[in-house]
Amino acid sequence: MTTTHYARGAGRPRLIFTREADVWDGSPSGIFELTSDVILLGSAPSCDLVLPGLAEVHAEIRHDDDDEYVVFPREPIGGGAQDPAFEATAGRVLRTGARLTIGKWRLAFFREEYADHGRLYGGRQGGELSQQRRQPPRSEIMGNRSDHRT
């Protein structure tokens, strides 16, 4: 397991989203902060992020015990470098810059580099690729502070 030196949920995890259009209408992209451990995306009013034109509950994002954000589709999702139709049971770990295409919506996941697990040891401070060392579990680094968000 790998981790960062920051508290669980740190790094302002968020989705930036916009509706596909042939011509940009000048409206800013939406920003949705990921502050819950389970986030539902879809067209139902009960969803955390309501996006018209999707299935009632189109996808779920879970904040897991390893402090990762993982998307689980309930309906087809595309985008990113992986196969456009990935399995709902496996989910996909989101890293900074990960793109998702859901219906006519385009979403991108962002989390500050110091807290993104794709960049260990708080970003580039710990070395690159094959030079990175494994870190001890978060509990050894953070003690009882691992439950707090920053």
N, C-alpha and C. Protein backbone atom coordinates (compact mmCIF):
# COMPACT_ATOMS: atom_id res chain seq x y z
N MET A 1 0.84 -1.18 0.00
CA MET A 1 0.00 0.00 0.00
C MET A 1 0.88 1.24 0.00
N THR A 2 0.43 2.27 -0.66
CA THR A 2 1.14 3.54 -0.68
C THR A 2 0.24 4.61 -0.10
N THR A 3 0.82 5.71 0.27
CA THR A 3 0.03 6.78 0.88
C THR A 3 0.75 8.10 0.69
N THR A 4 0.17 9.16 1.20
CA THR A 4 0.83 10.45 1.23
C THR A 4 0.95 10.83 2.69
N HIS A 5 1.58 11.95 2.96
CA HIS A 5 1.74 12.41 4.34
C HIS A 5 0.56 13.23 4.82
N TYR A 6 -0.47 13.34 4.04
CA TYR A 6 -1.57 14.22 4.38
C TYR A 6 -2.77 13.46 4.90
N ALA A 7 -3.65 14.20 5.58
CA ALA A 7 -4.84 13.61 6.19
C ALA A 7 -5.80 13.09 5.14
N ARG A 8 -6.58 12.12 5.52
CA ARG A 8 -7.59 11.52 4.64
C ARG A 8 -8.48 12.60 4.05
N GLY A 9 -8.66 12.55 2.74
CA GLY A 9 -9.53 13.51 2.06
C GLY A 9 -8.88 14.84 1.75
N ALA A 10 -7.59 14.98 2.05
CA ALA A 10 -6.89 16.25 1.79
C ALA A 10 -6.72 16.47 0.30
N GLY A 11 -6.34 17.67 -0.07
CA GLY A 11 -6.03 17.99 -1.45
C GLY A 11 -7.21 18.47 -2.27
N ARG A 12 -8.30 18.84 -1.61
CA ARG A 12 -9.50 19.36 -2.28
C ARG A 12 -9.93 18.50 -3.47
N PRO A 13 -10.28 17.23 -3.24
CA PRO A 13 -10.77 16.39 -4.33
C PRO A 13 -12.07 16.96 -4.89
N ARG A 14 -12.16 17.00 -6.24
CA ARG A 14 -13.32 17.64 -6.86
C ARG A 14 -13.50 17.16 -8.29
N LEU A 15 -14.70 17.34 -8.78
CA LEU A 15 -15.02 17.11 -10.18
C LEU A 15 -15.29 18.45 -10.83
N ILE A 16 -14.72 18.66 -11.99
CA ILE A 16 -15.03 19.83 -12.80
C ILE A 16 -15.81 19.29 -13.99
N PHE A 17 -16.97 19.88 -14.27
CA PHE A 17 -17.84 19.29 -15.28
C PHE A 17 -18.46 20.35 -16.18
N THR A 18 -18.76 19.91 -17.40
CA THR A 18 -19.43 20.77 -18.37
C THR A 18 -20.22 19.89 -19.32
N ARG A 19 -21.20 20.46 -19.94
CA ARG A 19 -22.00 19.72 -20.93
C ARG A 19 -21.37 19.91 -22.30
N GLU A 20 -21.32 18.82 -23.04
CA GLU A 20 -20.75 18.87 -24.39
C GLU A 20 -21.57 19.83 -25.25
N ALA A 21 -20.87 20.62 -26.04
CA ALA A 21 -21.53 21.53 -26.95
C ALA A 21 -20.63 21.77 -28.16
N ASP A 22 -21.24 21.98 -29.31
CA ASP A 22 -20.46 22.27 -30.51
C ASP A 22 -19.76 23.62 -30.39
N VAL A 23 -20.44 24.56 -29.75
CA VAL A 23 -19.88 25.90 -29.57
C VAL A 23 -20.01 26.26 -28.09
N TRP A 24 -18.90 26.70 -27.49
CA TRP A 24 -18.92 27.11 -26.08
C TRP A 24 -19.81 28.33 -25.91
N ASP A 25 -20.71 28.28 -24.96
CA ASP A 25 -21.64 29.38 -24.75
C ASP A 25 -21.12 30.42 -23.77
N GLY A 26 -19.91 30.26 -23.29
CA GLY A 26 -19.31 31.23 -22.38
C GLY A 26 -19.57 30.95 -20.92
N SER A 27 -20.40 29.96 -20.62
CA SER A 27 -20.69 29.67 -19.21
C SER A 27 -19.52 28.92 -18.58
N PRO A 28 -19.23 29.20 -17.32
CA PRO A 28 -18.11 28.51 -16.65
C PRO A 28 -18.44 27.05 -16.36
N SER A 29 -17.42 26.25 -16.22
CA SER A 29 -17.61 24.85 -15.83
C SER A 29 -18.11 24.78 -14.40
N GLY A 30 -18.81 23.70 -14.09
CA GLY A 30 -19.25 23.48 -12.72
C GLY A 30 -18.16 22.80 -11.92
N ILE A 31 -18.17 23.03 -10.63
CA ILE A 31 -17.21 22.38 -9.72
C ILE A 31 -18.01 21.71 -8.62
N PHE A 32 -17.73 20.43 -8.40
CA PHE A 32 -18.40 19.68 -7.34
C PHE A 32 -17.33 19.12 -6.42
N GLU A 33 -17.33 19.58 -5.16
CA GLU A 33 -16.36 19.13 -4.16
C GLU A 33 -16.76 17.74 -3.65
N LEU A 34 -15.80 16.82 -3.59
CA LEU A 34 -16.06 15.46 -3.10
C LEU A 34 -15.82 15.44 -1.59
N THR A 35 -16.88 15.66 -0.83
CA THR A 35 -16.75 15.76 0.62
C THR A 35 -17.38 14.59 1.36
N SER A 36 -18.05 13.69 0.64
CA SER A 36 -18.68 12.53 1.26
C SER A 36 -17.95 11.26 0.86
N ASP A 37 -18.19 10.20 1.60
CA ASP A 37 -17.57 8.91 1.27
C ASP A 37 -18.28 8.19 0.14
N VAL A 38 -19.54 8.57 -0.14
CA VAL A 38 -20.27 8.01 -1.28
C VAL A 38 -20.96 9.17 -1.98
N ILE A 39 -20.72 9.30 -3.29
CA ILE A 39 -21.30 10.36 -4.09
C ILE A 39 -22.05 9.72 -5.25
N LEU A 40 -23.33 10.04 -5.39
CA LEU A 40 -24.13 9.52 -6.49
C LEU A 40 -24.24 10.58 -7.57
N LEU A 41 -24.05 10.15 -8.83
CA LEU A 41 -24.18 11.03 -9.98
C LEU A 41 -25.32 10.52 -10.84
N GLY A 42 -26.20 11.41 -11.25
CA GLY A 42 -27.31 11.02 -12.10
C GLY A 42 -28.32 12.13 -12.22
N SER A 43 -29.48 11.80 -12.77
CA SER A 43 -30.51 12.82 -12.99
C SER A 43 -31.54 12.89 -11.87
N ALA A 44 -31.55 11.92 -10.97
CA ALA A 44 -32.52 11.93 -9.87
C ALA A 44 -32.23 13.07 -8.90
N PRO A 45 -33.26 13.73 -8.40
CA PRO A 45 -33.05 14.82 -7.45
C PRO A 45 -32.33 14.37 -6.17
N SER A 46 -32.39 13.09 -5.88
CA SER A 46 -31.72 12.57 -4.68
C SER A 46 -30.21 12.38 -4.87
N CYS A 47 -29.71 12.51 -6.09
CA CYS A 47 -28.26 12.35 -6.34
C CYS A 47 -27.51 13.54 -5.75
N ASP A 48 -26.26 13.30 -5.42
CA ASP A 48 -25.42 14.37 -4.89
C ASP A 48 -25.05 15.37 -6.00
N LEU A 49 -24.70 14.85 -7.17
CA LEU A 49 -24.43 15.69 -8.34
C LEU A 49 -25.49 15.35 -9.39
N VAL A 50 -26.42 16.28 -9.57
CA VAL A 50 -27.53 16.07 -10.49
C VAL A 50 -27.14 16.61 -11.87
N LEU A 51 -27.14 15.70 -12.86
CA LEU A 51 -26.78 16.04 -14.23
C LEU A 51 -27.93 15.61 -15.13
N PRO A 52 -28.73 16.55 -15.61
CA PRO A 52 -29.88 16.21 -16.45
C PRO A 52 -29.48 15.41 -17.68
N GLY A 53 -30.36 14.48 -18.05
CA GLY A 53 -30.14 13.68 -19.25
C GLY A 53 -29.48 12.34 -18.98
N LEU A 54 -29.09 12.08 -17.74
CA LEU A 54 -28.48 10.79 -17.40
C LEU A 54 -29.52 9.85 -16.81
N ALA A 55 -29.13 8.61 -16.57
CA ALA A 55 -29.98 7.68 -15.84
C ALA A 55 -30.21 8.26 -14.44
N GLU A 56 -31.24 7.80 -13.77
CA GLU A 56 -31.53 8.35 -12.44
C GLU A 56 -30.29 8.29 -11.54
N VAL A 57 -29.64 7.13 -11.45
CA VAL A 57 -28.35 7.01 -10.77
C VAL A 57 -27.41 6.38 -11.80
N HIS A 58 -26.54 7.18 -12.35
CA HIS A 58 -25.69 6.74 -13.46
C HIS A 58 -24.36 6.17 -12.97
N ALA A 59 -23.83 6.73 -11.88
CA ALA A 59 -22.54 6.28 -11.36
C ALA A 59 -22.44 6.63 -9.88
N GLU A 60 -21.48 5.98 -9.25
CA GLU A 60 -21.21 6.20 -7.83
C GLU A 60 -19.70 6.38 -7.66
N ILE A 61 -19.32 7.35 -6.86
CA ILE A 61 -17.91 7.53 -6.52
C ILE A 61 -17.78 7.24 -5.03
N ARG A 62 -16.86 6.33 -4.70
CA ARG A 62 -16.64 5.96 -3.30
C ARG A 62 -15.26 6.42 -2.85
N HIS A 63 -15.20 6.98 -1.67
CA HIS A 63 -13.94 7.34 -1.02
C HIS A 63 -13.59 6.15 -0.13
N ASP A 64 -12.58 5.37 -0.52
CA ASP A 64 -12.34 4.10 0.16
C ASP A 64 -11.37 4.23 1.34
N ASP A 65 -11.10 3.11 1.99
CA ASP A 65 -10.25 3.09 3.17
C ASP A 65 -8.80 3.45 2.89
N ASP A 66 -8.37 3.33 1.62
CA ASP A 66 -7.01 3.71 1.24
C ASP A 66 -6.93 5.16 0.81
N ASP A 67 -8.00 5.93 1.05
CA ASP A 67 -8.07 7.35 0.70
C ASP A 67 -8.05 7.56 -0.81
N GLU A 68 -8.58 6.60 -1.54
CA GLU A 68 -8.70 6.71 -2.99
C GLU A 68 -10.15 7.05 -3.33
N TYR A 69 -10.35 7.72 -4.44
CA TYR A 69 -11.68 7.98 -4.96
C TYR A 69 -11.86 7.06 -6.16
N VAL A 70 -12.88 6.20 -6.10
CA VAL A 70 -13.09 5.15 -7.11
C VAL A 70 -14.48 5.32 -7.69
N VAL A 71 -14.57 5.36 -9.03
CA VAL A 71 -15.86 5.49 -9.69
C VAL A 71 -16.36 4.11 -10.10
N PHE A 72 -17.63 3.86 -9.79
CA PHE A 72 -18.31 2.62 -10.14
C PHE A 72 -19.51 2.98 -11.01
N PRO A 73 -19.48 2.63 -12.29
CA PRO A 73 -20.62 2.96 -13.16
C PRO A 73 -21.80 2.04 -12.93
N ARG A 74 -22.98 2.58 -13.04
CA ARG A 74 -24.19 1.77 -13.07
C ARG A 74 -24.75 1.75 -14.49
N GLU A 75 -24.33 2.71 -15.28
CA GLU A 75 -24.65 2.82 -16.70
C GLU A 75 -23.32 3.12 -17.41
N PRO A 76 -23.29 3.02 -18.74
CA PRO A 76 -22.02 3.21 -19.45
C PRO A 76 -21.34 4.55 -19.17
N ILE A 77 -20.01 4.46 -19.00
CA ILE A 77 -19.15 5.63 -18.80
C ILE A 77 -17.94 5.44 -19.71
N GLY A 78 -17.50 6.51 -20.31
CA GLY A 78 -16.29 6.46 -21.13
C GLY A 78 -15.32 7.52 -20.65
N GLY A 79 -14.22 7.63 -21.38
CA GLY A 79 -13.24 8.66 -21.09
C GLY A 79 -11.98 8.10 -20.49
N GLY A 80 -10.92 8.88 -20.58
CA GLY A 80 -9.64 8.46 -20.04
C GLY A 80 -8.90 7.52 -20.96
N ALA A 81 -7.77 7.03 -20.50
CA ALA A 81 -6.91 6.19 -21.32
C ALA A 81 -7.32 4.72 -21.28
N GLN A 82 -8.19 4.35 -20.36
CA GLN A 82 -8.60 2.95 -20.25
C GLN A 82 -9.74 2.66 -21.22
N ASP A 83 -10.12 1.40 -21.29
CA ASP A 83 -11.23 0.99 -22.14
C ASP A 83 -12.45 1.86 -21.84
N PRO A 84 -13.11 2.38 -22.87
CA PRO A 84 -14.24 3.29 -22.64
C PRO A 84 -15.37 2.69 -21.80
N ALA A 85 -15.56 1.39 -21.86
CA ALA A 85 -16.62 0.76 -21.08
C ALA A 85 -15.98 -0.14 -20.04
N PHE A 86 -15.72 0.40 -18.86
CA PHE A 86 -15.08 -0.41 -17.84
C PHE A 86 -16.11 -1.05 -16.93
N GLU A 87 -15.68 -2.10 -16.24
CA GLU A 87 -16.58 -2.91 -15.43
C GLU A 87 -17.02 -2.19 -14.17
N ALA A 88 -18.31 -2.30 -13.88
CA ALA A 88 -18.86 -1.67 -12.68
C ALA A 88 -18.33 -2.30 -11.41
N THR A 89 -18.05 -3.60 -11.44
CA THR A 89 -17.63 -4.29 -10.23
C THR A 89 -16.22 -3.90 -9.81
N ALA A 90 -15.35 -3.62 -10.76
CA ALA A 90 -13.97 -3.28 -10.44
C ALA A 90 -13.83 -1.80 -10.11
N GLY A 91 -14.57 -0.96 -10.77
CA GLY A 91 -14.42 0.47 -10.58
C GLY A 91 -13.11 0.95 -11.18
N ARG A 92 -12.91 2.25 -11.10
CA ARG A 92 -11.68 2.86 -11.61
C ARG A 92 -11.22 3.91 -10.61
N VAL A 93 -9.97 3.77 -10.17
CA VAL A 93 -9.39 4.76 -9.26
C VAL A 93 -9.20 6.05 -10.04
N LEU A 94 -9.60 7.15 -9.45
CA LEU A 94 -9.46 8.44 -10.09
C LEU A 94 -8.16 9.10 -9.65
N ARG A 95 -7.41 9.58 -10.61
CA ARG A 95 -6.18 10.34 -10.36
C ARG A 95 -6.37 11.73 -10.95
N THR A 96 -5.59 12.67 -10.49
CA THR A 96 -5.70 14.03 -10.99
C THR A 96 -5.63 14.05 -12.51
N GLY A 97 -6.63 14.70 -13.10
CA GLY A 97 -6.71 14.80 -14.55
C GLY A 97 -7.53 13.71 -15.20
N ALA A 98 -7.99 12.71 -14.43
CA ALA A 98 -8.81 11.63 -15.00
C ALA A 98 -10.08 12.23 -15.60
N ARG A 99 -10.41 11.80 -16.82
CA ARG A 99 -11.59 12.30 -17.50
C ARG A 99 -12.65 11.21 -17.58
N LEU A 100 -13.89 11.65 -17.46
CA LEU A 100 -15.02 10.75 -17.60
C LEU A 100 -16.01 11.37 -18.58
N THR A 101 -16.59 10.54 -19.42
CA THR A 101 -17.67 10.97 -20.31
C THR A 101 -18.91 10.21 -19.88
N ILE A 102 -19.91 10.97 -19.46
CA ILE A 102 -21.15 10.37 -18.98
C ILE A 102 -22.29 11.04 -19.74
N GLY A 103 -22.85 10.31 -20.69
CA GLY A 103 -23.87 10.92 -21.54
C GLY A 103 -23.26 12.10 -22.28
N LYS A 104 -23.91 13.24 -22.22
CA LYS A 104 -23.38 14.45 -22.86
C LYS A 104 -22.51 15.28 -21.92
N TRP A 105 -22.22 14.74 -20.76
CA TRP A 105 -21.42 15.46 -19.77
C TRP A 105 -19.96 15.04 -19.84
N ARG A 106 -19.08 15.99 -19.61
CA ARG A 106 -17.63 15.75 -19.55
C ARG A 106 -17.18 16.16 -18.16
N LEU A 107 -16.53 15.22 -17.46
CA LEU A 107 -16.08 15.48 -16.09
C LEU A 107 -14.59 15.19 -16.00
N ALA A 108 -13.93 15.91 -15.11
CA ALA A 108 -12.51 15.65 -14.84
C ALA A 108 -12.32 15.69 -13.32
N PHE A 109 -11.53 14.74 -12.82
CA PHE A 109 -11.23 14.66 -11.39
C PHE A 109 -9.94 15.41 -11.13
N PHE A 110 -9.93 16.18 -10.06
CA PHE A 110 -8.71 16.89 -9.65
C PHE A 110 -8.54 16.77 -8.14
N ARG A 111 -7.29 16.63 -7.76
CA ARG A 111 -6.89 16.61 -6.35
C ARG A 111 -5.48 17.16 -6.32
N GLU A 112 -5.21 18.05 -5.39
CA GLU A 112 -3.88 18.67 -5.35
C GLU A 112 -2.81 17.59 -5.29
N GLU A 113 -1.71 17.83 -5.99
CA GLU A 113 -0.67 16.82 -6.15
C GLU A 113 -0.13 16.29 -4.82
N TYR A 114 -0.02 17.14 -3.82
CA TYR A 114 0.55 16.69 -2.54
C TYR A 114 -0.29 15.60 -1.88
N ALA A 115 -1.55 15.47 -2.25
CA ALA A 115 -2.42 14.48 -1.63
C ALA A 115 -2.87 13.40 -2.61
N ASP A 116 -2.45 13.48 -3.87
CA ASP A 116 -2.85 12.50 -4.89
C ASP A 116 -1.95 11.29 -4.77
N HIS A 117 -2.52 10.12 -4.55
CA HIS A 117 -1.73 8.91 -4.34
C HIS A 117 -0.97 8.45 -5.57
N GLY A 118 -1.30 9.02 -6.71
CA GLY A 118 -0.52 8.74 -7.90
C GLY A 118 0.83 9.42 -7.86
N ARG A 119 1.00 10.36 -6.94
CA ARG A 119 2.25 11.09 -6.73
C ARG A 119 2.63 10.90 -5.26
N LEU A 120 3.40 9.91 -4.97
CA LEU A 120 3.70 9.54 -3.59
C LEU A 120 4.56 10.56 -2.87
N TYR A 121 4.57 10.47 -1.56
CA TYR A 121 5.39 11.33 -0.70
C TYR A 121 5.11 12.80 -0.93
N GLY A 122 3.87 13.16 -1.12
CA GLY A 122 3.54 14.56 -1.27
C GLY A 122 4.05 15.14 -2.57
N GLY A 123 3.83 14.43 -3.66
CA GLY A 123 4.26 14.94 -4.96
C GLY A 123 5.63 14.43 -5.31
N ARG A 124 6.43 15.26 -5.90
CA ARG A 124 7.72 14.84 -6.44
C ARG A 124 8.82 14.79 -5.37
N GLN A 125 8.51 15.07 -4.14
CA GLN A 125 9.54 15.14 -3.10
C GLN A 125 10.18 13.79 -2.81
N GLY A 126 9.51 12.70 -3.07
CA GLY A 126 10.04 11.39 -2.71
C GLY A 126 10.77 10.68 -3.81
N GLY A 127 10.92 11.30 -4.96
CA GLY A 127 11.58 10.66 -6.08
C GLY A 127 10.58 10.32 -7.16
N GLU A 128 11.05 9.83 -8.25
CA GLU A 128 10.20 9.54 -9.39
C GLU A 128 10.21 8.06 -9.73
N LEU A 129 9.08 7.55 -10.10
CA LEU A 129 8.89 6.21 -10.64
C LEU A 129 9.66 5.13 -9.89
N SER A 130 10.66 4.54 -10.50
CA SER A 130 11.35 3.40 -9.89
C SER A 130 12.16 3.80 -8.67
N GLN A 131 12.38 5.08 -8.45
CA GLN A 131 13.18 5.52 -7.31
C GLN A 131 12.35 5.72 -6.04
N GLN A 132 11.04 5.64 -6.14
CA GLN A 132 10.21 5.88 -4.97
C GLN A 132 10.25 4.69 -4.02
N ARG A 133 10.32 5.00 -2.74
CA ARG A 133 10.29 3.97 -1.71
C ARG A 133 8.85 3.77 -1.25
N ARG A 134 8.55 2.59 -0.72
CA ARG A 134 7.24 2.37 -0.12
C ARG A 134 7.16 3.16 1.18
N GLN A 135 6.01 3.71 1.44
CA GLN A 135 5.80 4.45 2.67
C GLN A 135 5.15 3.56 3.71
N PRO A 136 5.34 3.88 4.99
CA PRO A 136 4.62 3.13 6.03
C PRO A 136 3.13 3.45 5.94
N PRO A 137 2.28 2.62 6.52
CA PRO A 137 0.84 2.88 6.49
C PRO A 137 0.52 4.25 7.09
N ARG A 138 -0.57 4.83 6.63
CA ARG A 138 -1.00 6.16 7.07
C ARG A 138 -1.08 6.25 8.59
N SER A 139 -1.54 5.20 9.27
CA SER A 139 -1.69 5.25 10.72
C SER A 139 -0.36 5.50 11.42
N GLU A 140 0.73 4.99 10.86
CA GLU A 140 2.05 5.23 11.46
C GLU A 140 2.51 6.66 11.22
N ILE A 141 2.08 7.26 10.14
CA ILE A 141 2.49 8.62 9.82
C ILE A 141 1.60 9.63 10.53
N MET A 142 0.28 9.42 10.45
CA MET A 142 -0.68 10.40 10.93
C MET A 142 -1.16 10.17 12.35
N GLY A 143 -1.00 8.98 12.88
CA GLY A 143 -1.53 8.69 14.21
C GLY A 143 -3.03 8.80 14.19
N ASN A 144 -3.61 9.45 15.17
CA ASN A 144 -5.07 9.57 15.25
C ASN A 144 -5.60 10.73 14.41
N ARG A 145 -4.74 11.45 13.69
CA ARG A 145 -5.20 12.59 12.87
C ARG A 145 -5.75 12.15 11.53
N SER A 146 -5.67 10.88 11.16
CA SER A 146 -6.05 10.42 9.82
C SER A 146 -7.56 10.56 9.55
N ASP A 147 -8.36 10.80 10.58
CA ASP A 147 -9.79 10.94 10.36
C ASP A 147 -10.21 12.36 9.99
N HIS A 148 -9.29 13.31 10.07
CA HIS A 148 -9.63 14.71 9.81
C HIS A 148 -9.39 15.08 8.36
N ARG A 149 -10.27 15.93 7.85
CA ARG A 149 -10.12 16.48 6.49
C ARG A 149 -9.47 17.85 6.61
N THR A 150 -8.74 18.20 5.57
CA THR A 150 -8.18 19.55 5.55
C THR A 150 -8.64 20.27 4.33
